[in-house]
């Protein structure tokens, strides 16, 4: 055989797209429809109070309570700041510096009139 007979024509590139526009449109329409159904179900579950039952007990507060934080900040150096955060029952010390943050719980502090040197 000659060398010219063994040479084949190159394989042509595909002319049509791998996914047709009609198929892509139907996939997009179904996705939007499913997201809409999920949103309607989530709003219905919220209105019925079903989502409250799924949340942990620590995350759910009674309706009449308010949650307040008292924050004090003190800059120690140009790159370091110390924060004291209190929520009424507990206190934390947060030290923020370049590249790191340290959080530690403060021990229970006696309130005014409750000291170790107060008469028993």
PDB file of N, CA and C in Angstrom:
ATOM      1  N   UNK A   1       0.832  -1.167   0.000  1.00  0.00           N
ATOM      2  CA  UNK A   1       0.000   0.000   0.000  1.00  0.00           C
ATOM      3  C   UNK A   1       0.874   1.226   0.000  1.00  0.00           C
ATOM      4  N   UNK A   2       0.315   2.263  -0.534  1.00  0.00           N
ATOM      5  CA  UNK A   2       1.087   3.503  -0.569  1.00  0.00           C
ATOM      6  C   UNK A   2       0.807   4.303   0.685  1.00  0.00           C
ATOM      7  N   UNK A   3       1.679   5.269   0.945  1.00  0.00           N
ATOM      8  CA  UNK A   3       1.530   6.102   2.132  1.00  0.00           C
ATOM      9  C   UNK A   3       0.293   7.002   2.042  1.00  0.00           C
ATOM     10  N   UNK A   4      -0.073   7.384   0.837  1.00  0.00           N
ATOM     11  CA  UNK A   4      -1.233   8.262   0.686  1.00  0.00           C
ATOM     12  C   UNK A   4      -2.547   7.541   0.958  1.00  0.00           C
ATOM     13  N   UNK A   5      -2.595   6.274   0.766  1.00  0.00           N
ATOM     14  CA  UNK A   5      -3.830   5.532   0.975  1.00  0.00           C
ATOM     15  C   UNK A   5      -4.112   5.358   2.471  1.00  0.00           C
ATOM     16  N   UNK A   6      -3.077   5.321   3.327  1.00  0.00           N
ATOM     17  CA  UNK A   6      -3.288   5.099   4.758  1.00  0.00           C
ATOM     18  C   UNK A   6      -3.638   6.385   5.512  1.00  0.00           C
ATOM     19  N   UNK A   7      -3.461   7.538   4.892  1.00  0.00           N
ATOM     20  CA  UNK A   7      -3.780   8.807   5.534  1.00  0.00           C
ATOM     21  C   UNK A   7      -5.282   9.044   5.413  1.00  0.00           C
ATOM     22  N   UNK A   8      -5.916   9.302   6.547  1.00  0.00           N
ATOM     23  CA  UNK A   8      -7.351   9.521   6.541  1.00  0.00           C
ATOM     24  C   UNK A   8      -7.632  11.003   6.746  1.00  0.00           C
ATOM     25  N   UNK A   9      -8.836  11.374   6.392  1.00  0.00           N
ATOM     26  CA  UNK A   9      -9.251  12.770   6.580  1.00  0.00           C
ATOM     27  C   UNK A   9      -9.437  13.019   8.086  1.00  0.00           C
ATOM     28  N   UNK A  10      -9.130  14.225   8.555  1.00  0.00           N
ATOM     29  CA  UNK A  10      -9.299  14.517   9.983  1.00  0.00           C
ATOM     30  C   UNK A  10     -10.769  14.442  10.389  1.00  0.00           C
ATOM     31  N   UNK A  11     -10.989  14.114  11.641  1.00  0.00           N
ATOM     32  CA  UNK A  11     -12.345  14.017  12.162  1.00  0.00           C
ATOM     33  C   UNK A  11     -12.880  15.439  12.331  1.00  0.00           C
ATOM     34  N   UNK A  12     -14.044  15.737  11.763  1.00  0.00           N
ATOM     35  CA  UNK A  12     -14.568  17.104  11.874  1.00  0.00           C
ATOM     36  C   UNK A  12     -15.095  17.367  13.294  1.00  0.00           C
ATOM     37  N   UNK A  13     -15.035  18.606  13.708  1.00  0.00           N
ATOM     38  CA  UNK A  13     -15.583  19.010  15.008  1.00  0.00           C
ATOM     39  C   UNK A  13     -17.092  18.949  14.952  1.00  0.00           C
ATOM     40  N   UNK A  14     -17.694  18.779  16.112  1.00  0.00           N
ATOM     41  CA  UNK A  14     -19.144  18.726  16.207  1.00  0.00           C
ATOM     42  C   UNK A  14     -19.705  20.117  15.904  1.00  0.00           C
ATOM     43  N   UNK A  15     -20.680  20.183  15.067  1.00  0.00           N
ATOM     44  CA  UNK A  15     -21.270  21.463  14.677  1.00  0.00           C
ATOM     45  C   UNK A  15     -22.424  21.856  15.600  1.00  0.00           C
ATOM     46  N   UNK A  16     -23.176  20.879  16.081  1.00  0.00           N
ATOM     47  CA  UNK A  16     -24.313  21.198  16.931  1.00  0.00           C
ATOM     48  C   UNK A  16     -23.854  21.214  18.394  1.00  0.00           C
ATOM     49  N   UNK A  17     -24.537  21.985  19.242  1.00  0.00           N
ATOM     50  CA  UNK A  17     -24.140  22.061  20.658  1.00  0.00           C
ATOM     51  C   UNK A  17     -24.436  20.735  21.371  1.00  0.00           C
ATOM     52  N   UNK A  18     -23.711  20.467  22.464  1.00  0.00           N
ATOM     53  CA  UNK A  18     -23.905  19.229  23.216  1.00  0.00           C
ATOM     54  C   UNK A  18     -25.279  19.220  23.891  1.00  0.00           C
ATOM     55  N   UNK A  19     -25.730  20.389  24.345  1.00  0.00           N
ATOM     56  CA  UNK A  19     -27.052  20.517  24.960  1.00  0.00           C
ATOM     57  C   UNK A  19     -27.816  21.554  24.160  1.00  0.00           C
ATOM     58  N   UNK A  20     -29.006  21.193  23.737  1.00  0.00           N
ATOM     59  CA  UNK A  20     -29.781  22.131  22.932  1.00  0.00           C
ATOM     60  C   UNK A  20     -30.338  23.247  23.813  1.00  0.00           C
ATOM     61  N   UNK A  21     -30.667  24.372  23.189  1.00  0.00           N
ATOM     62  CA  UNK A  21     -31.194  25.524  23.916  1.00  0.00           C
ATOM     63  C   UNK A  21     -32.548  25.187  24.539  1.00  0.00           C
ATOM     64  N   UNK A  22     -33.352  24.426  23.867  1.00  0.00           N
ATOM     65  CA  UNK A  22     -34.655  24.032  24.406  1.00  0.00           C
ATOM     66  C   UNK A  22     -34.508  23.163  25.645  1.00  0.00           C
ATOM     67  N   UNK A  23     -33.554  22.238  25.625  1.00  0.00           N
ATOM     68  CA  UNK A  23     -33.313  21.379  26.771  1.00  0.00           C
ATOM     69  C   UNK A  23     -32.764  22.191  27.945  1.00  0.00           C
ATOM     70  N   UNK A  24     -31.870  23.123  27.679  1.00  0.00           N
ATOM     71  CA  UNK A  24     -31.299  23.978  28.713  1.00  0.00           C
ATOM     72  C   UNK A  24     -32.372  24.873  29.331  1.00  0.00           C
ATOM     73  N   UNK A  25     -33.275  25.386  28.508  1.00  0.00           N
ATOM     74  CA  UNK A  25     -34.372  26.217  29.007  1.00  0.00           C
ATOM     75  C   UNK A  25     -35.307  25.420  29.905  1.00  0.00           C
ATOM     76  N   UNK A  26     -35.598  24.184  29.525  1.00  0.00           N
ATOM     77  CA  UNK A  26     -36.491  23.364  30.356  1.00  0.00           C
ATOM     78  C   UNK A  26     -35.831  23.018  31.696  1.00  0.00           C
ATOM     79  N   UNK A  27     -34.528  22.774  31.712  1.00  0.00           N
ATOM     80  CA  UNK A  27     -33.811  22.506  32.964  1.00  0.00           C
ATOM     81  C   UNK A  27     -33.848  23.743  33.858  1.00  0.00           C
ATOM     82  N   UNK A  28     -33.634  24.903  33.289  1.00  0.00           N
ATOM     83  CA  UNK A  28     -33.667  26.146  34.060  1.00  0.00           C
ATOM     84  C   UNK A  28     -35.073  26.414  34.599  1.00  0.00           C
ATOM     85  N   UNK A  29     -36.082  26.158  33.811  1.00  0.00           N
ATOM     86  CA  UNK A  29     -37.462  26.361  34.245  1.00  0.00           C
ATOM     87  C   UNK A  29     -37.827  25.424  35.394  1.00  0.00           C
ATOM     88  N   UNK A  30     -37.422  24.163  35.324  1.00  0.00           N
ATOM     89  CA  UNK A  30     -37.692  23.207  36.399  1.00  0.00           C
ATOM     90  C   UNK A  30     -36.952  23.613  37.668  1.00  0.00           C
ATOM     91  N   UNK A  31     -35.716  24.097  37.557  1.00  0.00           N
ATOM     92  CA  UNK A  31     -34.942  24.537  38.721  1.00  0.00           C
ATOM     93  C   UNK A  31     -35.609  25.723  39.401  1.00  0.00           C
ATOM     94  N   UNK A  32     -36.043  26.700  38.643  1.00  0.00           N
ATOM     95  CA  UNK A  32     -36.721  27.869  39.208  1.00  0.00           C
ATOM     96  C   UNK A  32     -38.039  27.454  39.854  1.00  0.00           C
ATOM     97  N   UNK A  33     -38.762  26.537  39.239  1.00  0.00           N
ATOM     98  CA  UNK A  33     -40.020  26.046  39.794  1.00  0.00           C
ATOM     99  C   UNK A  33     -39.794  25.322  41.121  1.00  0.00           C
ATOM    100  N   UNK A  34     -38.775  24.484  41.211  1.00  0.00           N
ATOM    101  CA  UNK A  34     -38.477  23.780  42.460  1.00  0.00           C
ATOM    102  C   UNK A  34     -38.040  24.740  43.562  1.00  0.00           C
ATOM    103  N   UNK A  35     -37.255  25.750  43.229  1.00  0.00           N
ATOM    104  CA  UNK A  35     -36.851  26.754  44.216  1.00  0.00           C
ATOM    105  C   UNK A  35     -38.055  27.542  44.720  1.00  0.00           C
ATOM    106  N   UNK A  36     -38.968  27.862  43.827  1.00  0.00           N
ATOM    107  CA  UNK A  36     -40.185  28.568  44.226  1.00  0.00           C
ATOM    108  C   UNK A  36     -41.050  27.727  45.158  1.00  0.00           C
ATOM    109  N   UNK A  37     -41.183  26.437  44.855  1.00  0.00           N
ATOM    110  CA  UNK A  37     -41.951  25.544  45.723  1.00  0.00           C
ATOM    111  C   UNK A  37     -41.290  25.449  47.097  1.00  0.00           C
ATOM    112  N   UNK A  38     -39.971  25.339  47.131  1.00  0.00           N
ATOM    113  CA  UNK A  38     -39.252  25.278  48.404  1.00  0.00           C
ATOM    114  C   UNK A  38     -39.457  26.561  49.208  1.00  0.00           C
ATOM    115  N   UNK A  39     -39.437  27.718  48.554  1.00  0.00           N
ATOM    116  CA  UNK A  39     -39.641  28.987  49.249  1.00  0.00           C
ATOM    117  C   UNK A  39     -41.051  29.072  49.835  1.00  0.00           C
ATOM    118  N   UNK A  40     -42.046  28.658  49.070  1.00  0.00           N
ATOM    119  CA  UNK A  40     -43.429  28.684  49.564  1.00  0.00           C
ATOM    120  C   UNK A  40     -43.583  27.740  50.753  1.00  0.00           C
ATOM    121  N   UNK A  41     -42.989  26.556  50.694  1.00  0.00           N
ATOM    122  CA  UNK A  41     -43.065  25.613  51.812  1.00  0.00           C
ATOM    123  C   UNK A  41     -42.339  26.149  53.045  1.00  0.00           C
ATOM    124  N   UNK A  42     -41.201  26.806  52.857  1.00  0.00           N
ATOM    125  CA  UNK A  42     -40.458  27.368  53.989  1.00  0.00           C
ATOM    126  C   UNK A  42     -41.249  28.491  54.649  1.00  0.00           C
ATOM    127  N   UNK A  43     -41.886  29.354  53.859  1.00  0.00           N
ATOM    128  CA  UNK A  43     -42.707  30.421  54.430  1.00  0.00           C
ATOM    129  C   UNK A  43     -43.923  29.859  55.155  1.00  0.00           C
ATOM    130  N   UNK A  44     -44.535  28.818  54.613  1.00  0.00           N
ATOM    131  CA  UNK A  44     -45.676  28.183  55.258  1.00  0.00           C
ATOM    132  C   UNK A  44     -45.257  27.547  56.588  1.00  0.00           C
ATOM    133  N   UNK A  45     -44.100  26.881  56.604  1.00  0.00           N
ATOM    134  CA  UNK A  45     -43.603  26.255  57.834  1.00  0.00           C
ATOM    135  C   UNK A  45     -43.251  27.310  58.881  1.00  0.00           C
ATOM    136  N   UNK A  46     -42.736  28.432  58.452  1.00  0.00           N
ATOM    137  CA  UNK A  46     -42.417  29.505  59.400  1.00  0.00           C
ATOM    138  C   UNK A  46     -43.695  30.072  60.002  1.00  0.00           C
ATOM    139  N   UNK A  47     -44.716  30.279  59.189  1.00  0.00           N
ATOM    140  CA  UNK A  47     -45.977  30.840  59.669  1.00  0.00           C
ATOM    141  C   UNK A  47     -46.669  29.874  60.639  1.00  0.00           C
ATOM    142  N   UNK A  48     -46.558  28.577  60.397  1.00  0.00           N
ATOM    143  CA  UNK A  48     -47.183  27.589  61.271  1.00  0.00           C
ATOM    144  C   UNK A  48     -46.363  27.311  62.525  1.00  0.00           C
ATOM    145  N   UNK A  49     -45.107  27.792  62.590  1.00  0.00           N
ATOM    146  CA  UNK A  49     -44.268  27.582  63.761  1.00  0.00           C
ATOM    147  C   UNK A  49     -43.520  26.264  63.749  1.00  0.00           C
ATOM    148  N   UNK A  50     -43.482  25.588  62.621  1.00  0.00           N
ATOM    149  CA  UNK A  50     -42.796  24.301  62.548  1.00  0.00           C
ATOM    150  C   UNK A  50     -41.286  24.462  62.632  1.00  0.00           C
ATOM    151  N   UNK A  51     -40.745  25.578  62.164  1.00  0.00           N
ATOM    152  CA  UNK A  51     -39.292  25.777  62.184  1.00  0.00           C
ATOM    153  C   UNK A  51     -38.787  25.965  63.609  1.00  0.00           C
ATOM    154  N   UNK A  52     -39.605  26.505  64.501  1.00  0.00           N
ATOM    155  CA  UNK A  52     -39.208  26.686  65.900  1.00  0.00           C
ATOM    156  C   UNK A  52     -38.985  25.331  66.559  1.00  0.00           C
ATOM    157  N   UNK A  53     -39.763  24.330  66.164  1.00  0.00           N
ATOM    158  CA  UNK A  53     -39.625  22.999  66.743  1.00  0.00           C
ATOM    159  C   UNK A  53     -38.328  22.327  66.311  1.00  0.00           C
ATOM    160  N   UNK A  54     -37.794  22.708  65.166  1.00  0.00           N
ATOM    161  CA  UNK A  54     -36.569  22.098  64.662  1.00  0.00           C
ATOM    162  C   UNK A  54     -35.311  22.715  65.256  1.00  0.00           C
ATOM    163  N   UNK A  55     -35.432  23.932  65.798  1.00  0.00           N
ATOM    164  CA  UNK A  55     -34.262  24.620  66.342  1.00  0.00           C
ATOM    165  C   UNK A  55     -33.940  24.084  67.732  1.00  0.00           C
ATOM    166  N   UNK A  56     -32.640  24.093  68.118  1.00  0.00           N
ATOM    167  CA  UNK A  56     -32.297  23.658  69.473  1.00  0.00           C
ATOM    168  C   UNK A  56     -32.894  24.597  70.516  1.00  0.00           C
ATOM    169  N   UNK A  57     -33.099  24.082  71.712  1.00  0.00           N
ATOM    170  CA  UNK A  57     -33.765  24.852  72.764  1.00  0.00           C
ATOM    171  C   UNK A  57     -32.963  26.081  73.163  1.00  0.00           C
ATOM    172  N   UNK A  58     -31.632  26.021  73.068  1.00  0.00           N
ATOM    173  CA  UNK A  58     -30.821  27.171  73.472  1.00  0.00           C
ATOM    174  C   UNK A  58     -30.956  28.335  72.497  1.00  0.00           C
ATOM    175  N   UNK A  59     -31.342  28.055  71.266  1.00  0.00           N
ATOM    176  CA  UNK A  59     -31.460  29.123  70.276  1.00  0.00           C
ATOM    177  C   UNK A  59     -32.820  29.815  70.325  1.00  0.00           C
ATOM    178  N   UNK A  60     -33.804  29.187  70.945  1.00  0.00           N
ATOM    179  CA  UNK A  60     -35.148  29.755  71.001  1.00  0.00           C
ATOM    180  C   UNK A  60     -35.311  30.501  72.315  1.00  0.00           C
ATOM    181  N   UNK A  61     -35.692  31.771  72.238  1.00  0.00           N
ATOM    182  CA  UNK A  61     -35.918  32.583  73.432  1.00  0.00           C
ATOM    183  C   UNK A  61     -37.409  32.786  73.611  1.00  0.00           C
ATOM    184  N   UNK A  62     -37.856  32.926  74.857  1.00  0.00           N
ATOM    185  CA  UNK A  62     -39.264  33.270  75.055  1.00  0.00           C
ATOM    186  C   UNK A  62     -39.591  34.605  74.395  1.00  0.00           C
ATOM    187  N   UNK A  63     -40.842  34.811  74.043  1.00  0.00           N
ATOM    188  CA  UNK A  63     -41.246  35.971  73.246  1.00  0.00           C
ATOM    189  C   UNK A  63     -40.994  37.297  73.945  1.00  0.00           C
ATOM    190  N   UNK A  64     -41.132  37.382  75.277  1.00  0.00           N
ATOM    191  CA  UNK A  64     -41.019  38.662  75.965  1.00  0.00           C
ATOM    192  C   UNK A  64     -39.612  39.051  76.369  1.00  0.00           C
ATOM    193  N   UNK A  65     -38.620  38.181  76.177  1.00  0.00           N
ATOM    194  CA  UNK A  65     -37.272  38.486  76.657  1.00  0.00           C
ATOM    195  C   UNK A  65     -36.481  39.258  75.622  1.00  0.00           C
ATOM    196  N   UNK A  66     -35.580  40.081  76.131  1.00  0.00           N
ATOM    197  CA  UNK A  66     -34.671  40.812  75.247  1.00  0.00           C
ATOM    198  C   UNK A  66     -33.262  40.344  75.537  1.00  0.00           C
ATOM    199  N   UNK A  67     -32.452  40.296  74.505  1.00  0.00           N
ATOM    200  CA  UNK A  67     -31.080  39.846  74.639  1.00  0.00           C
ATOM    201  C   UNK A  67     -30.182  41.047  74.443  1.00  0.00           C
ATOM    202  N   UNK A  68     -29.395  41.382  75.469  1.00  0.00           N
ATOM    203  CA  UNK A  68     -28.536  42.552  75.387  1.00  0.00           C
ATOM    204  C   UNK A  68     -27.110  42.157  75.729  1.00  0.00           C
ATOM    205  N   UNK A  69     -26.192  42.725  75.005  1.00  0.00           N
ATOM    206  CA  UNK A  69     -24.770  42.532  75.263  1.00  0.00           C
ATOM    207  C   UNK A  69     -24.164  43.858  75.677  1.00  0.00           C
ATOM    208  N   UNK A  70     -23.298  43.806  76.660  1.00  0.00           N
ATOM    209  CA  UNK A  70     -22.549  44.988  77.070  1.00  0.00           C
ATOM    210  C   UNK A  70     -21.109  44.746  76.651  1.00  0.00           C
ATOM    211  N   UNK A  71     -20.574  45.600  75.783  1.00  0.00           N
ATOM    212  CA  UNK A  71     -19.238  45.416  75.233  1.00  0.00           C
ATOM    213  C   UNK A  71     -18.357  46.586  75.635  1.00  0.00           C
ATOM    214  N   UNK A  72     -17.184  46.268  76.158  1.00  0.00           N
ATOM    215  CA  UNK A  72     -16.169  47.279  76.459  1.00  0.00           C
ATOM    216  C   UNK A  72     -14.945  46.941  75.620  1.00  0.00           C
ATOM    217  N   UNK A  73     -14.338  47.948  75.024  1.00  0.00           N
ATOM    218  CA  UNK A  73     -13.165  47.731  74.185  1.00  0.00           C
ATOM    219  C   UNK A  73     -12.023  48.597  74.681  1.00  0.00           C
ATOM    220  N   UNK A  74     -10.826  48.054  74.628  1.00  0.00           N
ATOM    221  CA  UNK A  74      -9.634  48.790  75.027  1.00  0.00           C
ATOM    222  C   UNK A  74      -8.512  48.416  74.075  1.00  0.00           C
ATOM    223  N   UNK A  75      -7.921  49.430  73.462  1.00  0.00           N
ATOM    224  CA  UNK A  75      -6.791  49.191  72.563  1.00  0.00           C
ATOM    225  C   UNK A  75      -5.524  49.098  73.404  1.00  0.00           C
ATOM    226  N   UNK A  76      -4.834  47.975  73.312  1.00  0.00           N
ATOM    227  CA  UNK A  76      -3.614  47.739  74.079  1.00  0.00           C
ATOM    228  C   UNK A  76      -2.399  48.256  73.331  1.00  0.00           C
ATOM    229  N   UNK A  77      -2.352  47.984  72.053  1.00  0.00           N
ATOM    230  CA  UNK A  77      -1.269  48.489  71.208  1.00  0.00           C
ATOM    231  C   UNK A  77      -1.858  48.828  69.851  1.00  0.00           C
ATOM    232  N   UNK A  78      -0.991  49.172  68.935  1.00  0.00           N
ATOM    233  CA  UNK A  78      -1.449  49.542  67.599  1.00  0.00           C
ATOM    234  C   UNK A  78      -2.115  48.366  66.895  1.00  0.00           C
ATOM    235  N   UNK A  79      -1.710  47.138  67.250  1.00  0.00           N
ATOM    236  CA  UNK A  79      -2.215  45.954  66.564  1.00  0.00           C
ATOM    237  C   UNK A  79      -3.105  45.069  67.441  1.00  0.00           C
ATOM    238  N   UNK A  80      -3.277  45.394  68.705  1.00  0.00           N
ATOM    239  CA  UNK A  80      -4.006  44.526  69.622  1.00  0.00           C
ATOM    240  C   UNK A  80      -5.131  45.284  70.318  1.00  0.00           C
ATOM    241  N   UNK A  81      -6.306  44.666  70.361  1.00  0.00           N
ATOM    242  CA  UNK A  81      -7.467  45.228  71.046  1.00  0.00           C
ATOM    243  C   UNK A  81      -8.065  44.151  71.942  1.00  0.00           C
ATOM    244  N   UNK A  82      -8.490  44.539  73.148  1.00  0.00           N
ATOM    245  CA  UNK A  82      -9.112  43.629  74.095  1.00  0.00           C
ATOM    246  C   UNK A  82     -10.572  44.047  74.265  1.00  0.00           C
ATOM    247  N   UNK A  83     -11.481  43.087  74.184  1.00  0.00           N
ATOM    248  CA  UNK A  83     -12.908  43.331  74.350  1.00  0.00           C
ATOM    249  C   UNK A  83     -13.408  42.530  75.547  1.00  0.00           C
ATOM    250  N   UNK A  84     -14.276  43.113  76.355  1.00  0.00           N
ATOM    251  CA  UNK A  84     -14.978  42.403  77.416  1.00  0.00           C
ATOM    252  C   UNK A  84     -16.457  42.420  77.036  1.00  0.00           C
ATOM    253  N   UNK A  85     -17.042  41.245  76.861  1.00  0.00           N
ATOM    254  CA  UNK A  85     -18.418  41.108  76.418  1.00  0.00           C
ATOM    255  C   UNK A  85     -19.204  40.437  77.543  1.00  0.00           C
ATOM    256  N   UNK A  86     -20.313  41.075  77.964  1.00  0.00           N
ATOM    257  CA  UNK A  86     -21.158  40.541  79.024  1.00  0.00           C
ATOM    258  C   UNK A  86     -22.597  40.454  78.518  1.00  0.00           C
ATOM    259  N   UNK A  87     -23.288  39.373  78.895  1.00  0.00           N
ATOM    260  CA  UNK A  87     -24.692  39.251  78.526  1.00  0.00           C
ATOM    261  C   UNK A  87     -25.610  39.243  79.737  1.00  0.00           C
ATOM    262  N   UNK A  88     -25.118  39.602  80.890  1.00  0.00           N
ATOM    263  CA  UNK A  88     -25.921  39.636  82.103  1.00  0.00           C
ATOM    264  C   UNK A  88     -25.631  38.463  83.012  1.00  0.00           C
ATOM    265  N   UNK A  89     -25.409  37.296  82.449  1.00  0.00           N
ATOM    266  CA  UNK A  89     -25.126  36.115  83.248  1.00  0.00           C
ATOM    267  C   UNK A  89     -23.676  35.668  83.119  1.00  0.00           C
ATOM    268  N   UNK A  90     -23.092  35.887  81.956  1.00  0.00           N
ATOM    269  CA  UNK A  90     -21.724  35.430  81.695  1.00  0.00           C
ATOM    270  C   UNK A  90     -20.909  36.562  81.095  1.00  0.00           C
ATOM    271  N   UNK A  91     -19.577  36.389  81.134  1.00  0.00           N
ATOM    272  CA  UNK A  91     -18.678  37.392  80.564  1.00  0.00           C
ATOM    273  C   UNK A  91     -17.540  36.682  79.838  1.00  0.00           C
ATOM    274  N   UNK A  92     -17.061  37.292  78.757  1.00  0.00           N
ATOM    275  CA  UNK A  92     -15.968  36.746  77.976  1.00  0.00           C
ATOM    276  C   UNK A  92     -14.929  37.838  77.748  1.00  0.00           C
ATOM    277  N   UNK A  93     -13.687  37.411  77.624  1.00  0.00           N
ATOM    278  CA  UNK A  93     -12.586  38.305  77.286  1.00  0.00           C
ATOM    279  C   UNK A  93     -12.091  37.888  75.907  1.00  0.00           C
ATOM    280  N   UNK A  94     -12.115  38.823  74.967  1.00  0.00           N
ATOM    281  CA  UNK A  94     -11.704  38.541  73.589  1.00  0.00           C
ATOM    282  C   UNK A  94     -10.497  39.416  73.290  1.00  0.00           C
ATOM    283  N   UNK A  95      -9.393  38.783  72.902  1.00  0.00           N
ATOM    284  CA  UNK A  95      -8.171  39.499  72.550  1.00  0.00           C
ATOM    285  C   UNK A  95      -7.978  39.341  71.057  1.00  0.00           C
ATOM    286  N   UNK A  96      -7.973  40.468  70.352  1.00  0.00           N
ATOM    287  CA  UNK A  96      -7.830  40.465  68.896  1.00  0.00           C
ATOM    288  C   UNK A  96      -6.491  41.094  68.545  1.00  0.00           C
ATOM    289  N   UNK A  97      -5.708  40.372  67.765  1.00  0.00           N
ATOM    290  CA  UNK A  97      -4.413  40.862  67.311  1.00  0.00           C
ATOM    291  C   UNK A  97      -4.267  40.479  65.851  1.00  0.00           C
ATOM    292  N   UNK A  98      -3.211  40.930  65.223  1.00  0.00           N
ATOM    293  CA  UNK A  98      -3.045  40.610  63.810  1.00  0.00           C
ATOM    294  C   UNK A  98      -2.892  39.109  63.628  1.00  0.00           C
ATOM    295  N   UNK A  99      -3.767  38.540  62.851  1.00  0.00           N
ATOM    296  CA  UNK A  99      -3.674  37.135  62.512  1.00  0.00           C
ATOM    297  C   UNK A  99      -4.274  36.180  63.524  1.00  0.00           C
ATOM    298  N   UNK A 100      -4.728  36.630  64.684  1.00  0.00           N
ATOM    299  CA  UNK A 100      -5.302  35.693  65.640  1.00  0.00           C
ATOM    300  C   UNK A 100      -6.303  36.365  66.559  1.00  0.00           C
ATOM    301  N   UNK A 101      -7.189  35.538  67.109  1.00  0.00           N
ATOM    302  CA  UNK A 101      -8.197  35.980  68.069  1.00  0.00           C
ATOM    303  C   UNK A 101      -8.231  34.945  69.180  1.00  0.00           C
ATOM    304  N   UNK A 102      -8.276  35.412  70.411  1.00  0.00           N
ATOM    305  CA  UNK A 102      -8.344  34.519  71.562  1.00  0.00           C
ATOM    306  C   UNK A 102      -9.598  34.853  72.366  1.00  0.00           C
ATOM    307  N   UNK A 103     -10.386  33.832  72.702  1.00  0.00           N
ATOM    308  CA  UNK A 103     -11.615  34.021  73.459  1.00  0.00           C
ATOM    309  C   UNK A 103     -11.510  33.177  74.726  1.00  0.00           C
ATOM    310  N   UNK A 104     -11.784  33.787  75.880  1.00  0.00           N
ATOM    311  CA  UNK A 104     -11.792  33.032  77.130  1.00  0.00           C
ATOM    312  C   UNK A 104     -12.945  33.515  77.995  1.00  0.00           C
ATOM    313  N   UNK A 105     -13.557  32.565  78.679  1.00  0.00           N
ATOM    314  CA  UNK A 105     -14.673  32.896  79.567  1.00  0.00           C
ATOM    315  C   UNK A 105     -14.110  33.419  80.879  1.00  0.00           C
ATOM    316  N   UNK A 106     -14.689  34.487  81.376  1.00  0.00           N
ATOM    317  CA  UNK A 106     -14.279  35.040  82.658  1.00  0.00           C
ATOM    318  C   UNK A 106     -15.039  34.333  83.768  1.00  0.00           C
ATOM    319  N   UNK A 107     -14.390  34.109  84.920  1.00  0.00           N
ATOM    320  CA  UNK A 107     -15.119  33.478  86.026  1.00  0.00           C
ATOM    321  C   UNK A 107     -16.212  34.408  86.529  1.00  0.00           C
ATOM    322  N   UNK A 108     -17.198  33.829  87.175  1.00  0.00           N
ATOM    323  CA  UNK A 108     -18.316  34.628  87.706  1.00  0.00           C
ATOM    324  C   UNK A 108     -17.782  35.676  88.659  1.00  0.00           C
ATOM    325  N   UNK A 109     -18.162  36.928  88.398  1.00  0.00           N
ATOM    326  CA  UNK A 109     -17.707  38.025  89.222  1.00  0.00           C
ATOM    327  C   UNK A 109     -18.799  38.354  90.227  1.00  0.00           C
ATOM    328  N   UNK A 110     -18.437  38.597  91.493  1.00  0.00           N
ATOM    329  CA  UNK A 110     -19.480  38.969  92.470  1.00  0.00           C
ATOM    330  C   UNK A 110     -20.065  40.324  92.141  1.00  0.00           C
ATOM    331  N   UNK A 111     -21.355  40.468  92.355  1.00  0.00           N
ATOM    332  CA  UNK A 111     -22.009  41.740  92.106  1.00  0.00           C
ATOM    333  C   UNK A 111     -21.750  42.660  93.300  1.00  0.00           C
ATOM    334  N   UNK A 112     -22.183  43.902  93.243  1.00  0.00           N
ATOM    335  CA  UNK A 112     -21.945  44.862  94.315  1.00  0.00           C
ATOM    336  C   UNK A 112     -22.545  44.359  95.614  1.00  0.00           C
ATOM    337  N   UNK A 113     -21.742  44.358  96.674  1.00  0.00           N
ATOM    338  CA  UNK A 113     -22.212  43.899  97.969  1.00  0.00           C
ATOM    339  C   UNK A 113     -21.969  42.426  98.222  1.00  0.00           C
ATOM    340  N   UNK A 114     -21.502  41.682  97.212  1.00  0.00           N
ATOM    341  CA  UNK A 114     -21.217  40.264  97.350  1.00  0.00           C
ATOM    342  C   UNK A 114     -19.723  40.031  97.186  1.00  0.00           C
ATOM    343  N   UNK A 115     -18.949  40.334  98.139  1.00  0.00           N
ATOM    344  CA  UNK A 115     -17.519  40.117  98.044  1.00  0.00           C
ATOM    345  C   UNK A 115     -17.076  39.051  99.012  1.00  0.00           C
ATOM    346  N   UNK A 116     -15.842  38.607  98.885  1.00  0.00           N
ATOM    347  CA  UNK A 116     -15.334  37.588  99.788  1.00  0.00           C
ATOM    348  C   UNK A 116     -15.092  38.179 101.176  1.00  0.00           C
ATOM    349  N   UNK A 117     -14.939  39.514 101.260  1.00  0.00           N
ATOM    350  CA  UNK A 117     -14.698  40.135 102.554  1.00  0.00           C
ATOM    351  C   UNK A 117     -15.976  40.673 103.180  1.00  0.00           C
ATOM    352  N   UNK A 118     -17.121  40.391 102.582  1.00  0.00           N
ATOM    353  CA  UNK A 118     -18.396  40.840 103.145  1.00  0.00           C
ATOM    354  C   UNK A 118     -18.759  39.943 104.318  1.00  0.00           C
ATOM    355  N   UNK A 119     -19.329  40.493 105.376  1.00  0.00           N
ATOM    356  CA  UNK A 119     -19.694  39.661 106.515  1.00  0.00           C
ATOM    357  C   UNK A 119     -20.781  38.663 106.151  1.00  0.00           C
ATOM    358  N   UNK A 120     -20.658  37.459 106.722  1.00  0.00           N
ATOM    359  CA  UNK A 120     -21.608  36.401 106.400  1.00  0.00           C
ATOM    360  C   UNK A 120     -22.743  36.329 107.389  1.00  0.00           C
TER     361      UNK A 120
END
